[in-house]
């Protein structure tokens, strides 16, 4: 059992990305670290730091329930894309680091799915 993020266009051929719940957790921890904070210190993740005190366009993704809660609107995806693309530009895959390579692949796939949502004006669904 795992988590899939996909466009709300009812087309099974549309791009999607999936993780195990553990894999998604590790991905979000890595993204939070790239944004300069520790996810475990945040409210809802074991800590008491409030999300309003974090300045990142990735907050709707990082502070989203694993497979419940509201879908992300195309505008939210559009707002996150520049930061995700900047992360891709900062981190070149290193064949000697399989974890980093996996995180970069995940970001790249997420960018593809989010760009599709923006282009088709459909929500990003967590399912």
C-alpha atoms as a PDB file:
ATOM      1  CA  UNK A   1       0.000   0.000   0.000  1.00  0.00           C
ATOM      2  CA  UNK A   2       1.277   3.438  -0.806  1.00  0.00           C
ATOM      3  CA  UNK A   3       0.511   6.920  -1.965  1.00  0.00           C
ATOM      4  CA  UNK A   4      -0.027   8.211  -5.486  1.00  0.00           C
ATOM      5  CA  UNK A   5      -0.179  11.821  -6.637  1.00  0.00           C
ATOM      6  CA  UNK A   6      -2.004  12.245  -9.921  1.00  0.00           C
ATOM      7  CA  UNK A   7      -3.903  14.822 -11.986  1.00  0.00           C
ATOM      8  CA  UNK A   8      -7.647  15.010 -11.487  1.00  0.00           C
ATOM      9  CA  UNK A   9      -8.373  14.646 -15.179  1.00  0.00           C
ATOM     10  CA  UNK A  10      -9.844  11.106 -15.053  1.00  0.00           C
ATOM     11  CA  UNK A  11      -7.299   9.905 -17.645  1.00  0.00           C
ATOM     12  CA  UNK A  12      -5.336   6.838 -16.549  1.00  0.00           C
ATOM     13  CA  UNK A  13      -2.657   7.698 -19.128  1.00  0.00           C
ATOM     14  CA  UNK A  14      -1.801  10.990 -17.371  1.00  0.00           C
ATOM     15  CA  UNK A  15       1.528  11.155 -15.531  1.00  0.00           C
ATOM     16  CA  UNK A  16       1.608  10.244 -11.859  1.00  0.00           C
ATOM     17  CA  UNK A  17       4.094   9.589  -9.095  1.00  0.00           C
ATOM     18  CA  UNK A  18       3.894   7.078  -6.282  1.00  0.00           C
ATOM     19  CA  UNK A  19       5.733   6.232  -3.093  1.00  0.00           C
ATOM     20  CA  UNK A  20       5.377   3.932  -0.165  1.00  0.00           C
ATOM     21  CA  UNK A  21       4.254   5.938   2.860  1.00  0.00           C
ATOM     22  CA  UNK A  22       7.774   5.616   4.257  1.00  0.00           C
ATOM     23  CA  UNK A  23       9.249   6.753   0.949  1.00  0.00           C
ATOM     24  CA  UNK A  24       6.969   9.809   0.850  1.00  0.00           C
ATOM     25  CA  UNK A  25       7.923  10.658   4.413  1.00  0.00           C
ATOM     26  CA  UNK A  26      11.624  10.453   3.554  1.00  0.00           C
ATOM     27  CA  UNK A  27      11.056  12.581   0.429  1.00  0.00           C
ATOM     28  CA  UNK A  28       9.272  15.299   2.411  1.00  0.00           C
ATOM     29  CA  UNK A  29      11.982  15.289   5.085  1.00  0.00           C
ATOM     30  CA  UNK A  30      14.569  15.786   2.335  1.00  0.00           C
ATOM     31  CA  UNK A  31      12.562  18.632   0.759  1.00  0.00           C
ATOM     32  CA  UNK A  32      12.122  20.313   4.143  1.00  0.00           C
ATOM     33  CA  UNK A  33      15.872  20.066   4.707  1.00  0.00           C
ATOM     34  CA  UNK A  34      16.425  21.658   1.275  1.00  0.00           C
ATOM     35  CA  UNK A  35      14.137  24.466   2.457  1.00  0.00           C
ATOM     36  CA  UNK A  36      16.201  24.965   5.616  1.00  0.00           C
ATOM     37  CA  UNK A  37      14.102  23.355   8.318  1.00  0.00           C
ATOM     38  CA  UNK A  38      13.533  19.985   9.955  1.00  0.00           C
ATOM     39  CA  UNK A  39      10.134  18.452   9.271  1.00  0.00           C
ATOM     40  CA  UNK A  40      10.131  16.574  12.603  1.00  0.00           C
ATOM     41  CA  UNK A  41      10.170  19.944  14.410  1.00  0.00           C
ATOM     42  CA  UNK A  42       6.934  21.051  12.712  1.00  0.00           C
ATOM     43  CA  UNK A  43       3.428  20.882  14.126  1.00  0.00           C
ATOM     44  CA  UNK A  44       1.784  17.722  12.866  1.00  0.00           C
ATOM     45  CA  UNK A  45       5.118  15.932  12.497  1.00  0.00           C
ATOM     46  CA  UNK A  46       6.061  15.606  16.153  1.00  0.00           C
ATOM     47  CA  UNK A  47       7.236  19.144  16.871  1.00  0.00           C
ATOM     48  CA  UNK A  48       5.638  22.382  17.923  1.00  0.00           C
ATOM     49  CA  UNK A  49       6.874  24.866  15.301  1.00  0.00           C
ATOM     50  CA  UNK A  50       3.925  26.391  13.482  1.00  0.00           C
ATOM     51  CA  UNK A  51       3.732  26.336   9.687  1.00  0.00           C
ATOM     52  CA  UNK A  52       2.964  30.050   9.556  1.00  0.00           C
ATOM     53  CA  UNK A  53       6.563  30.592  10.696  1.00  0.00           C
ATOM     54  CA  UNK A  54       8.013  28.770   7.685  1.00  0.00           C
ATOM     55  CA  UNK A  55       8.574  30.629   4.462  1.00  0.00           C
ATOM     56  CA  UNK A  56       8.437  28.138   1.615  1.00  0.00           C
ATOM     57  CA  UNK A  57       6.218  27.808  -1.416  1.00  0.00           C
ATOM     58  CA  UNK A  58       6.380  24.045  -0.808  1.00  0.00           C
ATOM     59  CA  UNK A  59       4.307  24.256   2.401  1.00  0.00           C
ATOM     60  CA  UNK A  60       1.098  22.941   0.747  1.00  0.00           C
ATOM     61  CA  UNK A  61       2.979  19.763  -0.207  1.00  0.00           C
ATOM     62  CA  UNK A  62       5.053  19.424   2.947  1.00  0.00           C
ATOM     63  CA  UNK A  63       2.161  20.048   5.342  1.00  0.00           C
ATOM     64  CA  UNK A  64      -0.374  17.871   3.518  1.00  0.00           C
ATOM     65  CA  UNK A  65      -1.859  14.700   5.019  1.00  0.00           C
ATOM     66  CA  UNK A  66      -0.437  11.631   3.344  1.00  0.00           C
ATOM     67  CA  UNK A  67      -3.553  10.528   1.511  1.00  0.00           C
ATOM     68  CA  UNK A  68      -6.367  12.684   2.740  1.00  0.00           C
ATOM     69  CA  UNK A  69      -7.189  16.315   2.877  1.00  0.00           C
ATOM     70  CA  UNK A  70      -7.756  18.800   0.118  1.00  0.00           C
ATOM     71  CA  UNK A  71      -6.418  18.310  -3.361  1.00  0.00           C
ATOM     72  CA  UNK A  72      -3.857  20.863  -4.496  1.00  0.00           C
ATOM     73  CA  UNK A  73      -5.226  23.450  -6.897  1.00  0.00           C
ATOM     74  CA  UNK A  74      -3.471  24.180 -10.191  1.00  0.00           C
ATOM     75  CA  UNK A  75      -2.455  27.588  -8.790  1.00  0.00           C
ATOM     76  CA  UNK A  76      -0.767  25.905  -5.816  1.00  0.00           C
ATOM     77  CA  UNK A  77       1.110  23.592  -8.177  1.00  0.00           C
ATOM     78  CA  UNK A  78       2.147  26.582 -10.303  1.00  0.00           C
ATOM     79  CA  UNK A  79       3.454  28.372  -7.200  1.00  0.00           C
ATOM     80  CA  UNK A  80       5.569  25.352  -6.197  1.00  0.00           C
ATOM     81  CA  UNK A  81       7.052  24.596  -9.620  1.00  0.00           C
ATOM     82  CA  UNK A  82       9.778  27.285  -9.654  1.00  0.00           C
ATOM     83  CA  UNK A  83      11.138  26.117  -6.289  1.00  0.00           C
ATOM     84  CA  UNK A  84      11.065  22.449  -7.272  1.00  0.00           C
ATOM     85  CA  UNK A  85      12.848  23.287 -10.533  1.00  0.00           C
ATOM     86  CA  UNK A  86      15.446  25.292  -8.586  1.00  0.00           C
ATOM     87  CA  UNK A  87      16.046  22.267  -6.356  1.00  0.00           C
ATOM     88  CA  UNK A  88      16.593  20.184  -9.486  1.00  0.00           C
ATOM     89  CA  UNK A  89      19.102  22.744 -10.745  1.00  0.00           C
ATOM     90  CA  UNK A  90      20.957  22.752  -7.404  1.00  0.00           C
ATOM     91  CA  UNK A  91      21.263  19.001  -7.060  1.00  0.00           C
ATOM     92  CA  UNK A  92      22.804  17.128  -9.913  1.00  0.00           C
ATOM     93  CA  UNK A  93      22.418  13.363  -9.659  1.00  0.00           C
ATOM     94  CA  UNK A  94      25.520  11.692  -8.312  1.00  0.00           C
ATOM     95  CA  UNK A  95      25.915   8.070  -9.316  1.00  0.00           C
ATOM     96  CA  UNK A  96      27.811   7.404  -6.099  1.00  0.00           C
ATOM     97  CA  UNK A  97      24.832   8.528  -3.964  1.00  0.00           C
ATOM     98  CA  UNK A  98      21.746   6.403  -4.693  1.00  0.00           C
ATOM     99  CA  UNK A  99      19.610   8.269  -2.132  1.00  0.00           C
ATOM    100  CA  UNK A 100      20.284  11.642  -3.745  1.00  0.00           C
ATOM    101  CA  UNK A 101      19.686  10.147  -7.176  1.00  0.00           C
ATOM    102  CA  UNK A 102      16.296   8.841  -5.988  1.00  0.00           C
ATOM    103  CA  UNK A 103      15.309  12.215  -4.488  1.00  0.00           C
ATOM    104  CA  UNK A 104      16.220  14.003  -7.744  1.00  0.00           C
ATOM    105  CA  UNK A 105      14.199  11.468  -9.752  1.00  0.00           C
ATOM    106  CA  UNK A 106      11.251  12.038  -7.398  1.00  0.00           C
ATOM    107  CA  UNK A 107      11.455  15.819  -7.781  1.00  0.00           C
ATOM    108  CA  UNK A 108      11.687  15.471 -11.551  1.00  0.00           C
ATOM    109  CA  UNK A 109       8.604  13.232 -11.696  1.00  0.00           C
ATOM    110  CA  UNK A 110       6.699  15.528  -9.340  1.00  0.00           C
ATOM    111  CA  UNK A 111       7.525  18.512 -11.569  1.00  0.00           C
ATOM    112  CA  UNK A 112       6.157  16.587 -14.565  1.00  0.00           C
ATOM    113  CA  UNK A 113       2.902  15.787 -12.769  1.00  0.00           C
ATOM    114  CA  UNK A 114       2.464  19.306 -11.384  1.00  0.00           C
ATOM    115  CA  UNK A 115       3.224  20.915 -14.743  1.00  0.00           C
ATOM    116  CA  UNK A 116       0.572  18.658 -16.296  1.00  0.00           C
ATOM    117  CA  UNK A 117      -1.942  19.796 -13.646  1.00  0.00           C
ATOM    118  CA  UNK A 118      -1.152  23.437 -14.369  1.00  0.00           C
ATOM    119  CA  UNK A 119      -1.306  23.002 -18.152  1.00  0.00           C
ATOM    120  CA  UNK A 120      -4.623  21.098 -17.994  1.00  0.00           C
ATOM    121  CA  UNK A 121      -6.002  23.257 -15.151  1.00  0.00           C
ATOM    122  CA  UNK A 122      -6.796  20.261 -12.956  1.00  0.00           C
ATOM    123  CA  UNK A 123      -6.158  19.496  -9.284  1.00  0.00           C
ATOM    124  CA  UNK A 124      -3.341  17.341  -7.977  1.00  0.00           C
ATOM    125  CA  UNK A 125      -4.951  14.461  -6.116  1.00  0.00           C
ATOM    126  CA  UNK A 126      -3.445  12.552  -3.197  1.00  0.00           C
ATOM    127  CA  UNK A 127      -4.720   9.009  -3.297  1.00  0.00           C
END
